[in-house]
Amino acid sequence: MLEIPEAIVIAAELNQTIKDKRIEKVIAAASPHKFAWFFGDPSQYYSFLRGRKIENTVPYGGRMEINAGEYVWRKHQVDNGLVFLQTVS
């Protein structure tokens, strides 16, 4: 898990790099994890998120939330070859 100051800095950096980009590809539940929780069925994330615009990234404790419309995005791939991976703790 990230420390709170790290989450604040990384969220600011993500707001400079991925804000206003569109989600093109989504990979959910690619690696098994004992402490991973999903909202709904991860196999549906692609249809929910593809084409959505990244609105912002907000630090939330030692985590970050990437807001893309109505959905919060935590571990996926963005367009233009930019990859963002965050492990779930």
Protein backbone atom coordinates (compact mmCIF):
# COMPACT_ATOMS: atom_id res chain seq x y z
CA MET A 1 0.00 0.00 0.00
CA LEU A 2 1.15 3.52 -0.70
CA GLU A 3 1.80 6.02 2.04
CA ILE A 4 -0.60 8.98 2.09
CA PRO A 5 2.00 11.52 0.83
CA GLU A 6 2.91 9.18 -2.05
CA ALA A 7 -0.75 8.83 -3.05
CA ILE A 8 -1.12 12.63 -3.09
CA VAL A 9 1.94 13.08 -5.33
CA ILE A 10 1.07 10.23 -7.70
CA ALA A 11 -2.56 11.42 -8.00
CA ALA A 12 -1.28 14.88 -8.99
CA GLU A 13 1.07 13.33 -11.57
CA LEU A 14 -1.75 11.21 -12.99
CA ASN A 15 -3.95 14.30 -13.28
CA GLN A 16 -1.21 15.81 -15.45
CA THR A 17 -0.67 12.72 -17.61
CA ILE A 18 -3.93 10.76 -18.04
CA LYS A 19 -6.66 13.33 -17.34
CA ASP A 20 -9.01 13.80 -20.34
CA LYS A 21 -7.69 10.67 -22.10
CA ARG A 22 -10.12 7.98 -23.23
CA ILE A 23 -10.05 4.41 -21.96
CA GLU A 24 -9.43 2.07 -24.85
CA LYS A 25 -8.64 -1.28 -23.25
CA VAL A 26 -9.60 -2.72 -19.87
CA ILE A 27 -8.03 -5.72 -18.16
CA ALA A 28 -9.70 -6.77 -14.91
CA ALA A 29 -8.88 -9.72 -12.66
CA ALA A 30 -5.81 -10.59 -14.73
CA SER A 31 -3.92 -11.91 -11.73
CA PRO A 32 -5.52 -13.74 -8.81
CA HIS A 33 -5.34 -11.89 -5.51
CA LYS A 34 -6.69 -13.04 -2.16
CA PHE A 35 -7.56 -9.50 -1.07
CA ALA A 36 -9.14 -8.15 -4.24
CA TRP A 37 -12.75 -7.00 -4.25
CA PHE A 38 -14.73 -6.06 -7.30
CA PHE A 39 -17.89 -4.07 -7.77
CA GLY A 40 -20.03 -6.23 -10.02
CA ASP A 41 -18.63 -8.71 -12.52
CA PRO A 42 -15.03 -7.88 -13.61
CA SER A 43 -15.71 -9.41 -17.03
CA GLN A 44 -18.16 -6.54 -17.65
CA TYR A 45 -15.64 -3.77 -16.89
CA TYR A 46 -14.58 -3.53 -20.54
CA SER A 47 -18.10 -2.72 -21.71
CA PHE A 48 -18.61 -0.25 -18.82
CA LEU A 49 -15.33 1.64 -19.21
CA ARG A 50 -14.29 1.53 -22.87
CA GLY A 51 -14.55 4.96 -24.46
CA ARG A 52 -15.01 6.82 -21.17
CA LYS A 53 -12.91 9.88 -20.49
CA ILE A 54 -10.68 10.02 -17.41
CA GLU A 55 -12.06 12.92 -15.38
CA ASN A 56 -9.55 13.07 -12.54
CA THR A 57 -7.50 11.14 -10.01
CA VAL A 58 -8.14 11.70 -6.32
CA PRO A 59 -5.95 10.52 -3.43
CA TYR A 60 -7.96 8.56 -0.91
CA GLY A 61 -5.83 7.65 2.08
CA GLY A 62 -3.03 5.41 0.82
CA ARG A 63 -4.94 4.74 -2.40
CA MET A 64 -6.00 6.61 -5.50
CA GLU A 65 -9.31 6.69 -7.30
CA ILE A 66 -9.35 7.32 -11.02
CA ASN A 67 -12.76 8.69 -11.94
CA ALA A 68 -14.10 7.94 -15.39
CA GLY A 69 -17.71 9.03 -15.51
CA GLU A 70 -19.85 7.07 -13.10
CA TYR A 71 -17.26 4.36 -12.55
CA VAL A 72 -14.10 4.31 -10.48
CA TRP A 73 -11.18 2.68 -12.25
CA ARG A 74 -8.37 1.05 -10.30
CA LYS A 75 -6.31 -1.39 -12.38
CA HIS A 76 -6.51 -1.14 -16.14
CA GLN A 77 -4.87 0.15 -19.28
CA VAL A 78 -5.41 3.54 -20.91
CA ASP A 79 -5.10 4.69 -24.53
CA ASN A 80 -1.94 5.99 -26.26
CA GLY A 81 0.12 3.08 -24.92
CA LEU A 82 0.06 4.48 -21.40
CA VAL A 83 -0.33 1.76 -18.78
CA PHE A 84 -1.47 2.28 -15.22
CA LEU A 85 -1.39 -0.63 -12.81
CA GLN A 86 -2.27 -0.39 -9.16
CA THR A 87 -2.33 -3.35 -6.88
CA VAL A 88 -5.29 -3.73 -4.60
CA SER A 89 -4.33 -3.88 -0.96
